[in-house]
């Protein structure tokens, strides 16, 4: 298996999705970086754990 890692989200797409869902984009712009950091860390931890097996 080729090693890989999640580096981050496409924030333009995330903000467009927020707008399409009716979420205030200013609030989304404030919150998304924090959410992204946690999700990237957790996804990479999961991927790393899958390599051990």
PDB file of N, CA and C in Angstrom:
ATOM      1  N   UNK A   1       0.841  -1.172   0.000  1.00  0.00           N
ATOM      2  CA  UNK A   1       0.000   0.000   0.000  1.00  0.00           C
ATOM      3  C   UNK A   1       0.893   1.244   0.000  1.00  0.00           C
ATOM      4  N   UNK A   2       0.517   2.231  -0.776  1.00  0.00           N
ATOM      5  CA  UNK A   2       1.263   3.474  -0.833  1.00  0.00           C
ATOM      6  C   UNK A   2       0.887   4.353   0.356  1.00  0.00           C
ATOM      7  N   UNK A   3       1.896   4.821   1.119  1.00  0.00           N
ATOM      8  CA  UNK A   3       1.567   5.700   2.229  1.00  0.00           C
ATOM      9  C   UNK A   3       1.011   7.031   1.728  1.00  0.00           C
ATOM     10  N   UNK A   4       0.149   7.610   2.504  1.00  0.00           N
ATOM     11  CA  UNK A   4      -0.434   8.897   2.147  1.00  0.00           C
ATOM     12  C   UNK A   4      -0.916   9.596   3.404  1.00  0.00           C
ATOM     13  N   UNK A   5      -1.349  10.811   3.217  1.00  0.00           N
ATOM     14  CA  UNK A   5      -1.854  11.578   4.343  1.00  0.00           C
ATOM     15  C   UNK A   5      -2.858  12.604   3.846  1.00  0.00           C
ATOM     16  N   UNK A   6      -3.790  12.940   4.706  1.00  0.00           N
ATOM     17  CA  UNK A   6      -4.730  14.015   4.424  1.00  0.00           C
ATOM     18  C   UNK A   6      -4.058  15.310   4.863  1.00  0.00           C
ATOM     19  N   UNK A   7      -3.983  16.294   3.974  1.00  0.00           N
ATOM     20  CA  UNK A   7      -3.333  17.560   4.296  1.00  0.00           C
ATOM     21  C   UNK A   7      -4.322  18.639   4.700  1.00  0.00           C
ATOM     22  N   UNK A   8      -5.520  18.556   4.175  1.00  0.00           N
ATOM     23  CA  UNK A   8      -6.502  19.574   4.513  1.00  0.00           C
ATOM     24  C   UNK A   8      -7.704  19.476   3.603  1.00  0.00           C
ATOM     25  N   UNK A   9      -8.634  20.380   3.826  1.00  0.00           N
ATOM     26  CA  UNK A   9      -9.865  20.435   3.047  1.00  0.00           C
ATOM     27  C   UNK A   9      -9.777  21.526   2.001  1.00  0.00           C
ATOM     28  N   UNK A  10     -10.600  21.416   0.991  1.00  0.00           N
ATOM     29  CA  UNK A  10     -10.787  22.479   0.013  1.00  0.00           C
ATOM     30  C   UNK A  10     -11.760  23.472   0.652  1.00  0.00           C
ATOM     31  N   UNK A  11     -11.225  24.552   1.202  1.00  0.00           N
ATOM     32  CA  UNK A  11     -12.058  25.503   1.945  1.00  0.00           C
ATOM     33  C   UNK A  11     -13.044  26.239   1.038  1.00  0.00           C
ATOM     34  N   UNK A  12     -12.697  26.440  -0.222  1.00  0.00           N
ATOM     35  CA  UNK A  12     -13.657  27.071  -1.144  1.00  0.00           C
ATOM     36  C   UNK A  12     -14.887  26.193  -1.294  1.00  0.00           C
ATOM     37  N   UNK A  13     -14.658  24.899  -1.427  1.00  0.00           N
ATOM     38  CA  UNK A  13     -15.777  23.966  -1.545  1.00  0.00           C
ATOM     39  C   UNK A  13     -16.561  23.888  -0.235  1.00  0.00           C
ATOM     40  N   UNK A  14     -15.858  23.894   0.885  1.00  0.00           N
ATOM     41  CA  UNK A  14     -16.531  23.826   2.184  1.00  0.00           C
ATOM     42  C   UNK A  14     -17.405  25.061   2.420  1.00  0.00           C
ATOM     43  N   UNK A  15     -16.907  26.226   2.050  1.00  0.00           N
ATOM     44  CA  UNK A  15     -17.695  27.447   2.209  1.00  0.00           C
ATOM     45  C   UNK A  15     -18.866  27.487   1.237  1.00  0.00           C
ATOM     46  N   UNK A  16     -18.662  26.980   0.025  1.00  0.00           N
ATOM     47  CA  UNK A  16     -19.767  26.913  -0.942  1.00  0.00           C
ATOM     48  C   UNK A  16     -20.852  25.971  -0.431  1.00  0.00           C
ATOM     49  N   UNK A  17     -20.447  24.859   0.170  1.00  0.00           N
ATOM     50  CA  UNK A  17     -21.407  23.926   0.743  1.00  0.00           C
ATOM     51  C   UNK A  17     -22.172  24.575   1.897  1.00  0.00           C
ATOM     52  N   UNK A  18     -21.448  25.286   2.746  1.00  0.00           N
ATOM     53  CA  UNK A  18     -22.095  25.986   3.858  1.00  0.00           C
ATOM     54  C   UNK A  18     -23.142  26.971   3.332  1.00  0.00           C
ATOM     55  N   UNK A  19     -22.770  27.728   2.319  1.00  0.00           N
ATOM     56  CA  UNK A  19     -23.705  28.697   1.740  1.00  0.00           C
ATOM     57  C   UNK A  19     -24.919  27.996   1.143  1.00  0.00           C
ATOM     58  N   UNK A  20     -24.685  26.891   0.437  1.00  0.00           N
ATOM     59  CA  UNK A  20     -25.790  26.142  -0.172  1.00  0.00           C
ATOM     60  C   UNK A  20     -26.732  25.574   0.884  1.00  0.00           C
ATOM     61  N   UNK A  21     -26.190  25.271   2.055  1.00  0.00           N
ATOM     62  CA  UNK A  21     -27.004  24.722   3.138  1.00  0.00           C
ATOM     63  C   UNK A  21     -27.654  25.810   3.989  1.00  0.00           C
ATOM     64  N   UNK A  22     -27.365  27.064   3.664  1.00  0.00           N
ATOM     65  CA  UNK A  22     -27.961  28.167   4.397  1.00  0.00           C
ATOM     66  C   UNK A  22     -27.232  28.531   5.681  1.00  0.00           C
ATOM     67  N   UNK A  23     -26.006  28.055   5.821  1.00  0.00           N
ATOM     68  CA  UNK A  23     -25.202  28.379   7.001  1.00  0.00           C
ATOM     69  C   UNK A  23     -24.540  29.737   6.766  1.00  0.00           C
ATOM     70  N   UNK A  24     -24.516  30.576   7.776  1.00  0.00           N
ATOM     71  CA  UNK A  24     -23.862  31.876   7.676  1.00  0.00           C
ATOM     72  C   UNK A  24     -22.385  31.655   7.336  1.00  0.00           C
ATOM     73  N   UNK A  25     -21.943  32.200   6.193  1.00  0.00           N
ATOM     74  CA  UNK A  25     -20.579  31.934   5.725  1.00  0.00           C
ATOM     75  C   UNK A  25     -19.513  32.586   6.600  1.00  0.00           C
ATOM     76  N   UNK A  26     -19.841  33.696   7.263  1.00  0.00           N
ATOM     77  CA  UNK A  26     -18.862  34.300   8.174  1.00  0.00           C
ATOM     78  C   UNK A  26     -18.603  33.387   9.373  1.00  0.00           C
ATOM     79  N   UNK A  27     -19.656  32.801   9.885  1.00  0.00           N
ATOM     80  CA  UNK A  27     -19.497  31.857  10.994  1.00  0.00           C
ATOM     81  C   UNK A  27     -18.751  30.613  10.517  1.00  0.00           C
ATOM     82  N   UNK A  28     -19.117  30.106   9.344  1.00  0.00           N
ATOM     83  CA  UNK A  28     -18.438  28.930   8.796  1.00  0.00           C
ATOM     84  C   UNK A  28     -16.946  29.206   8.599  1.00  0.00           C
ATOM     85  N   UNK A  29     -16.611  30.385   8.108  1.00  0.00           N
ATOM     86  CA  UNK A  29     -15.205  30.745   7.894  1.00  0.00           C
ATOM     87  C   UNK A  29     -14.432  30.781   9.209  1.00  0.00           C
ATOM     88  N   UNK A  30     -15.108  31.134  10.280  1.00  0.00           N
ATOM     89  CA  UNK A  30     -14.466  31.138  11.602  1.00  0.00           C
ATOM     90  C   UNK A  30     -14.292  29.731  12.162  1.00  0.00           C
ATOM     91  N   UNK A  31     -15.300  28.883  11.967  1.00  0.00           N
ATOM     92  CA  UNK A  31     -15.300  27.563  12.599  1.00  0.00           C
ATOM     93  C   UNK A  31     -14.595  26.477  11.795  1.00  0.00           C
ATOM     94  N   UNK A  32     -14.653  26.560  10.473  1.00  0.00           N
ATOM     95  CA  UNK A  32     -14.110  25.480   9.643  1.00  0.00           C
ATOM     96  C   UNK A  32     -12.628  25.176   9.877  1.00  0.00           C
ATOM     97  N   UNK A  33     -11.753  26.156  10.042  1.00  0.00           N
ATOM     98  CA  UNK A  33     -10.341  25.800  10.280  1.00  0.00           C
ATOM     99  C   UNK A  33     -10.128  24.954  11.528  1.00  0.00           C
ATOM    100  N   UNK A  34     -10.877  25.225  12.594  1.00  0.00           N
ATOM    101  CA  UNK A  34     -10.769  24.425  13.816  1.00  0.00           C
ATOM    102  C   UNK A  34     -11.273  23.001  13.582  1.00  0.00           C
ATOM    103  N   UNK A  35     -12.403  22.897  12.905  1.00  0.00           N
ATOM    104  CA  UNK A  35     -12.973  21.584  12.597  1.00  0.00           C
ATOM    105  C   UNK A  35     -12.039  20.809  11.676  1.00  0.00           C
ATOM    106  N   UNK A  36     -11.504  21.500  10.676  1.00  0.00           N
ATOM    107  CA  UNK A  36     -10.589  20.864   9.725  1.00  0.00           C
ATOM    108  C   UNK A  36      -9.376  20.282  10.442  1.00  0.00           C
ATOM    109  N   UNK A  37      -8.798  21.035  11.362  1.00  0.00           N
ATOM    110  CA  UNK A  37      -7.599  20.571  12.066  1.00  0.00           C
ATOM    111  C   UNK A  37      -7.859  19.270  12.807  1.00  0.00           C
ATOM    112  N   UNK A  38      -8.995  19.186  13.489  1.00  0.00           N
ATOM    113  CA  UNK A  38      -9.334  17.969  14.230  1.00  0.00           C
ATOM    114  C   UNK A  38      -9.580  16.814  13.265  1.00  0.00           C
ATOM    115  N   UNK A  39     -10.333  17.068  12.203  1.00  0.00           N
ATOM    116  CA  UNK A  39     -10.653  15.996  11.253  1.00  0.00           C
ATOM    117  C   UNK A  39      -9.410  15.480  10.535  1.00  0.00           C
ATOM    118  N   UNK A  40      -8.520  16.371  10.136  1.00  0.00           N
ATOM    119  CA  UNK A  40      -7.287  15.946   9.466  1.00  0.00           C
ATOM    120  C   UNK A  40      -6.466  15.076  10.407  1.00  0.00           C
ATOM    121  N   UNK A  41      -6.334  15.516  11.654  1.00  0.00           N
ATOM    122  CA  UNK A  41      -5.559  14.737  12.622  1.00  0.00           C
ATOM    123  C   UNK A  41      -6.164  13.348  12.828  1.00  0.00           C
ATOM    124  N   UNK A  42      -7.486  13.281  12.994  1.00  0.00           N
ATOM    125  CA  UNK A  42      -8.152  12.003  13.243  1.00  0.00           C
ATOM    126  C   UNK A  42      -8.090  11.091  12.018  1.00  0.00           C
ATOM    127  N   UNK A  43      -8.298  11.654  10.829  1.00  0.00           N
ATOM    128  CA  UNK A  43      -8.223  10.837   9.612  1.00  0.00           C
ATOM    129  C   UNK A  43      -6.823  10.252   9.432  1.00  0.00           C
ATOM    130  N   UNK A  44      -5.809  11.063   9.678  1.00  0.00           N
ATOM    131  CA  UNK A  44      -4.445  10.566   9.546  1.00  0.00           C
ATOM    132  C   UNK A  44      -4.120   9.513  10.599  1.00  0.00           C
ATOM    133  N   UNK A  45      -4.652   9.677  11.809  1.00  0.00           N
ATOM    134  CA  UNK A  45      -4.475   8.651  12.844  1.00  0.00           C
ATOM    135  C   UNK A  45      -5.118   7.340  12.411  1.00  0.00           C
ATOM    136  N   UNK A  46      -6.318   7.420  11.852  1.00  0.00           N
ATOM    137  CA  UNK A  46      -7.004   6.211  11.373  1.00  0.00           C
ATOM    138  C   UNK A  46      -6.229   5.544  10.254  1.00  0.00           C
ATOM    139  N   UNK A  47      -5.749   6.339   9.318  1.00  0.00           N
ATOM    140  CA  UNK A  47      -4.986   5.783   8.195  1.00  0.00           C
ATOM    141  C   UNK A  47      -3.699   5.144   8.679  1.00  0.00           C
ATOM    142  N   UNK A  48      -3.051   5.760   9.638  1.00  0.00           N
ATOM    143  CA  UNK A  48      -1.805   5.212  10.198  1.00  0.00           C
ATOM    144  C   UNK A  48      -2.095   3.898  10.929  1.00  0.00           C
ATOM    145  N   UNK A  49      -3.200   3.845  11.643  1.00  0.00           N
ATOM    146  CA  UNK A  49      -3.571   2.620  12.353  1.00  0.00           C
ATOM    147  C   UNK A  49      -3.863   1.485  11.394  1.00  0.00           C
ATOM    148  N   UNK A  50      -4.417   1.775  10.242  1.00  0.00           N
ATOM    149  CA  UNK A  50      -4.701   0.758   9.237  1.00  0.00           C
ATOM    150  C   UNK A  50      -3.443   0.157   8.630  1.00  0.00           C
ATOM    151  N   UNK A  51      -2.359   0.889   8.671  1.00  0.00           N
ATOM    152  CA  UNK A  51      -1.081   0.399   8.114  1.00  0.00           C
ATOM    153  C   UNK A  51      -0.406  -0.577   9.038  1.00  0.00           C
ATOM    154  N   UNK A  52      -0.729  -0.518  10.339  1.00  0.00           N
ATOM    155  CA  UNK A  52      -0.076  -1.394  11.308  1.00  0.00           C
ATOM    156  C   UNK A  52      -0.515  -2.853  11.149  1.00  0.00           C
ATOM    157  N   UNK A  53      -1.731  -3.052  10.594  1.00  0.00           N
ATOM    158  CA  UNK A  53      -2.301  -4.392  10.521  1.00  0.00           C
ATOM    159  C   UNK A  53      -1.906  -5.160   9.375  1.00  0.00           C
TER     160      UNK A  53
END
